[in-house]
Amino acid sequence: MHWSVEPARSDDLVTRVHSAIAAKATFDIAKGMVAAYAGVAISEATHLLTDYATWNLVRLGDTAQALVSRTMEPAVILAPPRTRG
């Protein structure tokens, strides 16, 4: 998120807070999905999601959203990273 130096209007601030809460909730749901699928602790699921996003050069939020919207299977997160040539 980018926070402007201009004074925020109250509706802008509320929208930003709602967006941040929704993103956090999506990430928490995605962590739970990976943890349940892989049979690991939430902390390990967090590492798996972060590693997947890092290795595949995708945003963590996009990865979480894909899992929650069911456009990506949790098994994809567990696949070994491909090497770059």
PDB file of N, CA and C in Angstrom:
ATOM      1  N   MET A   1       0.831  -1.186   0.000  1.00  0.00           N
ATOM      2  CA  MET A   1       0.000   0.000   0.000  1.00  0.00           C
ATOM      3  C   MET A   1       0.871   1.243   0.000  1.00  0.00           C
ATOM      4  N   HIS A   2       0.389   2.259  -0.618  1.00  0.00           N
ATOM      5  CA  HIS A   2       1.097   3.533  -0.631  1.00  0.00           C
ATOM      6  C   HIS A   2       0.263   4.542   0.146  1.00  0.00           C
ATOM      7  N   TRP A   3       0.879   5.149   1.117  1.00  0.00           N
ATOM      8  CA  TRP A   3       0.191   6.150   1.914  1.00  0.00           C
ATOM      9  C   TRP A   3       0.591   7.534   1.437  1.00  0.00           C
ATOM     10  N   SER A   4      -0.368   8.306   1.027  1.00  0.00           N
ATOM     11  CA  SER A   4      -0.136   9.646   0.500  1.00  0.00           C
ATOM     12  C   SER A   4       0.224  10.605   1.631  1.00  0.00           C
ATOM     13  N   VAL A   5       0.978  11.647   1.266  1.00  0.00           N
ATOM     14  CA  VAL A   5       1.326  12.665   2.257  1.00  0.00           C
ATOM     15  C   VAL A   5       0.184  13.657   2.437  1.00  0.00           C
ATOM     16  N   GLU A   6      -0.783  13.624   1.538  1.00  0.00           N
ATOM     17  CA  GLU A   6      -1.944  14.501   1.673  1.00  0.00           C
ATOM     18  C   GLU A   6      -2.844  13.980   2.785  1.00  0.00           C
ATOM     19  N   PRO A   7      -3.545  14.872   3.462  1.00  0.00           N
ATOM     20  CA  PRO A   7      -4.467  14.399   4.503  1.00  0.00           C
ATOM     21  C   PRO A   7      -5.512  13.481   3.885  1.00  0.00           C
ATOM     22  N   ALA A   8      -5.755  12.371   4.517  1.00  0.00           N
ATOM     23  CA  ALA A   8      -6.707  11.400   4.000  1.00  0.00           C
ATOM     24  C   ALA A   8      -8.125  11.783   4.380  1.00  0.00           C
ATOM     25  N   ARG A   9      -9.032  11.566   3.441  1.00  0.00           N
ATOM     26  CA  ARG A   9     -10.440  11.734   3.756  1.00  0.00           C
ATOM     27  C   ARG A   9     -10.860  10.501   4.540  1.00  0.00           C
ATOM     28  N   SER A  10     -11.859  10.638   5.359  1.00  0.00           N
ATOM     29  CA  SER A  10     -12.269   9.524   6.220  1.00  0.00           C
ATOM     30  C   SER A  10     -12.700   8.313   5.406  1.00  0.00           C
ATOM     31  N   ASP A  11     -13.373   8.530   4.268  1.00  0.00           N
ATOM     32  CA  ASP A  11     -13.799   7.379   3.463  1.00  0.00           C
ATOM     33  C   ASP A  11     -12.609   6.691   2.801  1.00  0.00           C
ATOM     34  N   ASP A  12     -11.545   7.451   2.470  1.00  0.00           N
ATOM     35  CA  ASP A  12     -10.331   6.844   1.927  1.00  0.00           C
ATOM     36  C   ASP A  12      -9.662   5.958   2.975  1.00  0.00           C
ATOM     37  N   LEU A  13      -9.603   6.440   4.179  1.00  0.00           N
ATOM     38  CA  LEU A  13      -8.970   5.705   5.260  1.00  0.00           C
ATOM     39  C   LEU A  13      -9.741   4.415   5.573  1.00  0.00           C
ATOM     40  N   VAL A  14     -11.044   4.515   5.591  1.00  0.00           N
ATOM     41  CA  VAL A  14     -11.869   3.337   5.855  1.00  0.00           C
ATOM     42  C   VAL A  14     -11.667   2.307   4.748  1.00  0.00           C
ATOM     43  N   THR A  15     -11.614   2.741   3.505  1.00  0.00           N
ATOM     44  CA  THR A  15     -11.397   1.832   2.380  1.00  0.00           C
ATOM     45  C   THR A  15     -10.050   1.145   2.500  1.00  0.00           C
ATOM     46  N   ARG A  16      -9.034   1.884   2.872  1.00  0.00           N
ATOM     47  CA  ARG A  16      -7.701   1.301   3.037  1.00  0.00           C
ATOM     48  C   ARG A  16      -7.663   0.277   4.168  1.00  0.00           C
ATOM     49  N   VAL A  17      -8.314   0.580   5.257  1.00  0.00           N
ATOM     50  CA  VAL A  17      -8.356  -0.344   6.391  1.00  0.00           C
ATOM     51  C   VAL A  17      -9.116  -1.612   6.002  1.00  0.00           C
ATOM     52  N   HIS A  18     -10.243  -1.468   5.326  1.00  0.00           N
ATOM     53  CA  HIS A  18     -11.006  -2.635   4.872  1.00  0.00           C
ATOM     54  C   HIS A  18     -10.171  -3.487   3.925  1.00  0.00           C
ATOM     55  N   SER A  19      -9.438  -2.852   3.044  1.00  0.00           N
ATOM     56  CA  SER A  19      -8.583  -3.572   2.097  1.00  0.00           C
ATOM     57  C   SER A  19      -7.498  -4.353   2.830  1.00  0.00           C
ATOM     58  N   ALA A  20      -6.881  -3.740   3.812  1.00  0.00           N
ATOM     59  CA  ALA A  20      -5.831  -4.408   4.583  1.00  0.00           C
ATOM     60  C   ALA A  20      -6.393  -5.589   5.372  1.00  0.00           C
ATOM     61  N   ILE A  21      -7.565  -5.416   5.951  1.00  0.00           N
ATOM     62  CA  ILE A  21      -8.191  -6.496   6.712  1.00  0.00           C
ATOM     63  C   ILE A  21      -8.564  -7.651   5.782  1.00  0.00           C
ATOM     64  N   ALA A  22      -9.091  -7.340   4.607  1.00  0.00           N
ATOM     65  CA  ALA A  22      -9.466  -8.382   3.651  1.00  0.00           C
ATOM     66  C   ALA A  22      -8.238  -9.149   3.177  1.00  0.00           C
ATOM     67  N   ALA A  23      -7.140  -8.443   2.921  1.00  0.00           N
ATOM     68  CA  ALA A  23      -5.912  -9.107   2.486  1.00  0.00           C
ATOM     69  C   ALA A  23      -5.369 -10.025   3.579  1.00  0.00           C
ATOM     70  N   LYS A  24      -5.412  -9.574   4.813  1.00  0.00           N
ATOM     71  CA  LYS A  24      -4.947 -10.385   5.944  1.00  0.00           C
ATOM     72  C   LYS A  24      -5.824 -11.619   6.097  1.00  0.00           C
ATOM     73  N   ALA A  25      -7.120 -11.450   5.988  1.00  0.00           N
ATOM     74  CA  ALA A  25      -8.039 -12.584   6.113  1.00  0.00           C
ATOM     75  C   ALA A  25      -7.800 -13.597   4.995  1.00  0.00           C
ATOM     76  N   THR A  26      -7.585 -13.121   3.779  1.00  0.00           N
ATOM     77  CA  THR A  26      -7.313 -14.010   2.650  1.00  0.00           C
ATOM     78  C   THR A  26      -6.041 -14.790   2.889  1.00  0.00           C
ATOM     79  N   PHE A  27      -5.006 -14.123   3.373  1.00  0.00           N
ATOM     80  CA  PHE A  27      -3.735 -14.797   3.647  1.00  0.00           C
ATOM     81  C   PHE A  27      -3.903 -15.839   4.755  1.00  0.00           C
ATOM     82  N   ASP A  28      -4.655 -15.506   5.794  1.00  0.00           N
ATOM     83  CA  ASP A  28      -4.887 -16.452   6.888  1.00  0.00           C
ATOM     84  C   ASP A  28      -5.655 -17.687   6.406  1.00  0.00           C
ATOM     85  N   ILE A  29      -6.641 -17.482   5.553  1.00  0.00           N
ATOM     86  CA  ILE A  29      -7.393 -18.612   5.003  1.00  0.00           C
ATOM     87  C   ILE A  29      -6.481 -19.479   4.144  1.00  0.00           C
ATOM     88  N   ALA A  30      -5.653 -18.856   3.319  1.00  0.00           N
ATOM     89  CA  ALA A  30      -4.725 -19.597   2.459  1.00  0.00           C
ATOM     90  C   ALA A  30      -3.739 -20.405   3.303  1.00  0.00           C
ATOM     91  N   LYS A  31      -3.234 -19.821   4.373  1.00  0.00           N
ATOM     92  CA  LYS A  31      -2.330 -20.561   5.260  1.00  0.00           C
ATOM     93  C   LYS A  31      -3.033 -21.777   5.839  1.00  0.00           C
ATOM     94  N   GLY A  32      -4.271 -21.610   6.245  1.00  0.00           N
ATOM     95  CA  GLY A  32      -5.037 -22.721   6.778  1.00  0.00           C
ATOM     96  C   GLY A  32      -5.274 -23.809   5.747  1.00  0.00           C
ATOM     97  N   MET A  33      -5.537 -23.417   4.517  1.00  0.00           N
ATOM     98  CA  MET A  33      -5.746 -24.390   3.445  1.00  0.00           C
ATOM     99  C   MET A  33      -4.484 -25.211   3.214  1.00  0.00           C
ATOM    100  N   VAL A  34      -3.343 -24.537   3.137  1.00  0.00           N
ATOM    101  CA  VAL A  34      -2.075 -25.235   2.902  1.00  0.00           C
ATOM    102  C   VAL A  34      -1.744 -26.126   4.093  1.00  0.00           C
ATOM    103  N   ALA A  35      -1.938 -25.618   5.297  1.00  0.00           N
ATOM    104  CA  ALA A  35      -1.648 -26.406   6.496  1.00  0.00           C
ATOM    105  C   ALA A  35      -2.498 -27.672   6.535  1.00  0.00           C
ATOM    106  N   ALA A  36      -3.783 -27.547   6.245  1.00  0.00           N
ATOM    107  CA  ALA A  36      -4.670 -28.709   6.263  1.00  0.00           C
ATOM    108  C   ALA A  36      -4.313 -29.695   5.160  1.00  0.00           C
ATOM    109  N   TYR A  37      -4.034 -29.183   3.980  1.00  0.00           N
ATOM    110  CA  TYR A  37      -3.715 -30.052   2.846  1.00  0.00           C
ATOM    111  C   TYR A  37      -2.415 -30.822   3.076  1.00  0.00           C
ATOM    112  N   ALA A  38      -1.404 -30.102   3.583  1.00  0.00           N
ATOM    113  CA  ALA A  38      -0.074 -30.701   3.747  1.00  0.00           C
ATOM    114  C   ALA A  38       0.101 -31.392   5.091  1.00  0.00           C
ATOM    115  N   GLY A  39      -0.810 -31.157   6.017  1.00  0.00           N
ATOM    116  CA  GLY A  39      -0.681 -31.745   7.345  1.00  0.00           C
ATOM    117  C   GLY A  39       0.462 -31.148   8.132  1.00  0.00           C
ATOM    118  N   VAL A  40       0.641 -29.828   7.992  1.00  0.00           N
ATOM    119  CA  VAL A  40       1.725 -29.132   8.690  1.00  0.00           C
ATOM    120  C   VAL A  40       1.145 -28.030   9.563  1.00  0.00           C
ATOM    121  N   ALA A  41       1.999 -27.474  10.408  1.00  0.00           N
ATOM    122  CA  ALA A  41       1.594 -26.360  11.271  1.00  0.00           C
ATOM    123  C   ALA A  41       1.408 -25.089  10.434  1.00  0.00           C
ATOM    124  N   ILE A  42       0.665 -24.149  10.987  1.00  0.00           N
ATOM    125  CA  ILE A  42       0.430 -22.874  10.303  1.00  0.00           C
ATOM    126  C   ILE A  42       1.746 -22.171   9.983  1.00  0.00           C
ATOM    127  N   SER A  43       2.710 -22.224  10.899  1.00  0.00           N
ATOM    128  CA  SER A  43       3.995 -21.558  10.654  1.00  0.00           C
ATOM    129  C   SER A  43       4.702 -22.160   9.443  1.00  0.00           C
ATOM    130  N   GLU A  44       4.632 -23.477   9.293  1.00  0.00           N
ATOM    131  CA  GLU A  44       5.239 -24.130   8.128  1.00  0.00           C
ATOM    132  C   GLU A  44       4.474 -23.771   6.857  1.00  0.00           C
ATOM    133  N   ALA A  45       3.155 -23.687   6.938  1.00  0.00           N
ATOM    134  CA  ALA A  45       2.351 -23.286   5.785  1.00  0.00           C
ATOM    135  C   ALA A  45       2.714 -21.870   5.341  1.00  0.00           C
ATOM    136  N   THR A  46       2.984 -21.002   6.302  1.00  0.00           N
ATOM    137  CA  THR A  46       3.410 -19.640   5.978  1.00  0.00           C
ATOM    138  C   THR A  46       4.711 -19.666   5.193  1.00  0.00           C
ATOM    139  N   HIS A  47       5.654 -20.476   5.643  1.00  0.00           N
ATOM    140  CA  HIS A  47       6.936 -20.594   4.933  1.00  0.00           C
ATOM    141  C   HIS A  47       6.729 -21.164   3.535  1.00  0.00           C
ATOM    142  N   LEU A  48       5.873 -22.157   3.404  1.00  0.00           N
ATOM    143  CA  LEU A  48       5.620 -22.754   2.095  1.00  0.00           C
ATOM    144  C   LEU A  48       5.032 -21.727   1.122  1.00  0.00           C
ATOM    145  N   LEU A  49       4.073 -20.949   1.592  1.00  0.00           N
ATOM    146  CA  LEU A  49       3.473 -19.911   0.747  1.00  0.00           C
ATOM    147  C   LEU A  49       4.493 -18.845   0.354  1.00  0.00           C
ATOM    148  N   THR A  50       5.268 -18.409   1.320  1.00  0.00           N
ATOM    149  CA  THR A  50       6.281 -17.387   1.055  1.00  0.00           C
ATOM    150  C   THR A  50       7.332 -17.900   0.083  1.00  0.00           C
ATOM    151  N   ASP A  51       7.793 -19.125   0.301  1.00  0.00           N
ATOM    152  CA  ASP A  51       8.790 -19.709  -0.599  1.00  0.00           C
ATOM    153  C   ASP A  51       8.246 -19.849  -2.014  1.00  0.00           C
ATOM    154  N   TYR A  52       6.993 -20.297  -2.131  1.00  0.00           N
ATOM    155  CA  TYR A  52       6.386 -20.444  -3.461  1.00  0.00           C
ATOM    156  C   TYR A  52       6.363 -19.096  -4.181  1.00  0.00           C
ATOM    157  N   ALA A  53       5.888 -18.061  -3.494  1.00  0.00           N
ATOM    158  CA  ALA A  53       5.794 -16.737  -4.113  1.00  0.00           C
ATOM    159  C   ALA A  53       7.172 -16.221  -4.510  1.00  0.00           C
ATOM    160  N   THR A  54       8.158 -16.436  -3.658  1.00  0.00           N
ATOM    161  CA  THR A  54       9.515 -15.970  -3.938  1.00  0.00           C
ATOM    162  C   THR A  54      10.096 -16.693  -5.144  1.00  0.00           C
ATOM    163  N   TRP A  55      10.021 -18.016  -5.154  1.00  0.00           N
ATOM    164  CA  TRP A  55      10.603 -18.813  -6.233  1.00  0.00           C
ATOM    165  C   TRP A  55       9.917 -18.586  -7.574  1.00  0.00           C
ATOM    166  N   ASN A  56       8.633 -18.289  -7.538  1.00  0.00           N
ATOM    167  CA  ASN A  56       7.874 -18.125  -8.778  1.00  0.00           C
ATOM    168  C   ASN A  56       7.680 -16.669  -9.179  1.00  0.00           C
ATOM    169  N   LEU A  57       8.300 -15.771  -8.413  1.00  0.00           N
ATOM    170  CA  LEU A  57       8.256 -14.338  -8.710  1.00  0.00           C
ATOM    171  C   LEU A  57       6.825 -13.814  -8.835  1.00  0.00           C
ATOM    172  N   VAL A  58       5.984 -14.231  -7.899  1.00  0.00           N
ATOM    173  CA  VAL A  58       4.610 -13.749  -7.846  1.00  0.00           C
ATOM    174  C   VAL A  58       4.364 -13.121  -6.480  1.00  0.00           C
ATOM    175  N   ARG A  59       3.392 -12.261  -6.429  1.00  0.00           N
ATOM    176  CA  ARG A  59       3.074 -11.615  -5.158  1.00  0.00           C
ATOM    177  C   ARG A  59       2.411 -12.612  -4.222  1.00  0.00           C
ATOM    178  N   LEU A  60       2.754 -12.520  -2.968  1.00  0.00           N
ATOM    179  CA  LEU A  60       2.184 -13.402  -1.948  1.00  0.00           C
ATOM    180  C   LEU A  60       0.665 -13.237  -1.879  1.00  0.00           C
ATOM    181  N   GLY A  61       0.203 -12.015  -1.965  1.00  0.00           N
ATOM    182  CA  GLY A  61      -1.238 -11.760  -1.937  1.00  0.00           C
ATOM    183  C   GLY A  61      -1.962 -12.394  -3.111  1.00  0.00           C
ATOM    184  N   ASP A  62      -1.331 -12.379  -4.290  1.00  0.00           N
ATOM    185  CA  ASP A  62      -1.939 -13.004  -5.466  1.00  0.00           C
ATOM    186  C   ASP A  62      -2.005 -14.520  -5.293  1.00  0.00           C
ATOM    187  N   THR A  63      -0.960 -15.083  -4.696  1.00  0.00           N
ATOM    188  CA  THR A  63      -0.934 -16.520  -4.440  1.00  0.00           C
ATOM    189  C   THR A  63      -2.042 -16.903  -3.466  1.00  0.00           C
ATOM    190  N   ALA A  64      -2.164 -16.151  -2.386  1.00  0.00           N
ATOM    191  CA  ALA A  64      -3.212 -16.426  -1.399  1.00  0.00           C
ATOM    192  C   ALA A  64      -4.592 -16.296  -2.030  1.00  0.00           C
ATOM    193  N   GLN A  65      -4.794 -15.268  -2.833  1.00  0.00           N
ATOM    194  CA  GLN A  65      -6.085 -15.064  -3.491  1.00  0.00           C
ATOM    195  C   GLN A  65      -6.409 -16.206  -4.434  1.00  0.00           C
ATOM    196  N   ALA A  66      -5.412 -16.699  -5.162  1.00  0.00           N
ATOM    197  CA  ALA A  66      -5.633 -17.820  -6.083  1.00  0.00           C
ATOM    198  C   ALA A  66      -6.048 -19.079  -5.326  1.00  0.00           C
ATOM    199  N   LEU A  67      -5.439 -19.307  -4.183  1.00  0.00           N
ATOM    200  CA  LEU A  67      -5.823 -20.465  -3.374  1.00  0.00           C
ATOM    201  C   LEU A  67      -7.244 -20.336  -2.854  1.00  0.00           C
ATOM    202  N   VAL A  68      -7.561 -19.200  -2.292  1.00  0.00           N
ATOM    203  CA  VAL A  68      -8.874 -18.985  -1.684  1.00  0.00           C
ATOM    204  C   VAL A  68      -9.974 -19.003  -2.744  1.00  0.00           C
ATOM    205  N   SER A  69      -9.700 -18.468  -3.927  1.00  0.00           N
ATOM    206  CA  SER A  69     -10.708 -18.461  -4.996  1.00  0.00           C
ATOM    207  C   SER A  69     -10.736 -19.774  -5.761  1.00  0.00           C
ATOM    208  N   ARG A  70      -9.866 -20.699  -5.353  1.00  0.00           N
ATOM    209  CA  ARG A  70      -9.801 -22.048  -5.920  1.00  0.00           C
ATOM    210  C   ARG A  70      -9.377 -22.073  -7.385  1.00  0.00           C
ATOM    211  N   THR A  71      -8.584 -21.072  -7.798  1.00  0.00           N
ATOM    212  CA  THR A  71      -8.000 -21.108  -9.136  1.00  0.00           C
ATOM    213  C   THR A  71      -6.613 -21.747  -9.096  1.00  0.00           C
ATOM    214  N   MET A  72      -6.152 -22.078  -7.898  1.00  0.00           N
ATOM    215  CA  MET A  72      -4.888 -22.785  -7.694  1.00  0.00           C
ATOM    216  C   MET A  72      -5.121 -23.853  -6.632  1.00  0.00           C
ATOM    217  N   GLU A  73      -4.583 -25.022  -6.886  1.00  0.00           N
ATOM    218  CA  GLU A  73      -4.696 -26.119  -5.920  1.00  0.00           C
ATOM    219  C   GLU A  73      -3.575 -26.015  -4.879  1.00  0.00           C
ATOM    220  N   PRO A  74      -3.835 -26.383  -3.628  1.00  0.00           N
ATOM    221  CA  PRO A  74      -2.781 -26.349  -2.609  1.00  0.00           C
ATOM    222  C   PRO A  74      -1.568 -27.205  -2.963  1.00  0.00           C
ATOM    223  N   ALA A  75      -1.775 -28.256  -3.748  1.00  0.00           N
ATOM    224  CA  ALA A  75      -0.655 -29.126  -4.141  1.00  0.00           C
ATOM    225  C   ALA A  75       0.422 -28.359  -4.892  1.00  0.00           C
ATOM    226  N   VAL A  76       0.036 -27.305  -5.604  1.00  0.00           N
ATOM    227  CA  VAL A  76       1.001 -26.506  -6.364  1.00  0.00           C
ATOM    228  C   VAL A  76       2.021 -25.871  -5.421  1.00  0.00           C
ATOM    229  N   ILE A  77       1.577 -25.470  -4.256  1.00  0.00           N
ATOM    230  CA  ILE A  77       2.459 -24.835  -3.279  1.00  0.00           C
ATOM    231  C   ILE A  77       3.523 -25.817  -2.798  1.00  0.00           C
ATOM    232  N   LEU A  78       3.190 -27.088  -2.757  1.00  0.00           N
ATOM    233  CA  LEU A  78       4.096 -28.101  -2.236  1.00  0.00           C
ATOM    234  C   LEU A  78       5.066 -28.632  -3.279  1.00  0.00           C
ATOM    235  N   ALA A  79       4.833 -28.342  -4.546  1.00  0.00           N
ATOM    236  CA  ALA A  79       5.713 -28.829  -5.602  1.00  0.00           C
ATOM    237  C   ALA A  79       7.101 -28.202  -5.456  1.00  0.00           C
ATOM    238  N   PRO A  80       8.157 -28.968  -5.746  1.00  0.00           N
ATOM    239  CA  PRO A  80       9.506 -28.392  -5.637  1.00  0.00           C
ATOM    240  C   PRO A  80       9.687 -27.256  -6.640  1.00  0.00           C
ATOM    241  N   PRO A  81      10.470 -26.248  -6.259  1.00  0.00           N
ATOM    242  CA  PRO A  81      10.669 -25.108  -7.176  1.00  0.00           C
ATOM    243  C   PRO A  81      11.448 -25.541  -8.416  1.00  0.00           C
ATOM    244  N   ARG A  82      11.104 -24.930  -9.521  1.00  0.00           N
ATOM    245  CA  ARG A  82      11.839 -25.195 -10.755  1.00  0.00           C
ATOM    246  C   ARG A  82      13.085 -24.337 -10.768  1.00  0.00           C
ATOM    247  N   THR A  83      14.170 -24.879 -11.299  1.00  0.00           N
ATOM    248  CA  THR A  83      15.408 -24.104 -11.383  1.00  0.00           C
ATOM    249  C   THR A  83      15.358 -23.196 -12.593  1.00  0.00           C
ATOM    250  N   ARG A  84      15.968 -22.082 -12.474  1.00  0.00           N
ATOM    251  CA  ARG A  84      16.026 -21.120 -13.569  1.00  0.00           C
ATOM    252  C   ARG A  84      17.341 -21.308 -14.331  1.00  0.00           C
ATOM    253  N   GLY A  85      17.277 -21.191 -15.627  1.00  0.00           N
ATOM    254  CA  GLY A  85      18.479 -21.379 -16.429  1.00  0.00           C
ATOM    255  C   GLY A  85      18.990 -20.143 -17.054  1.00  0.00           C
TER     256      GLY A  85
END
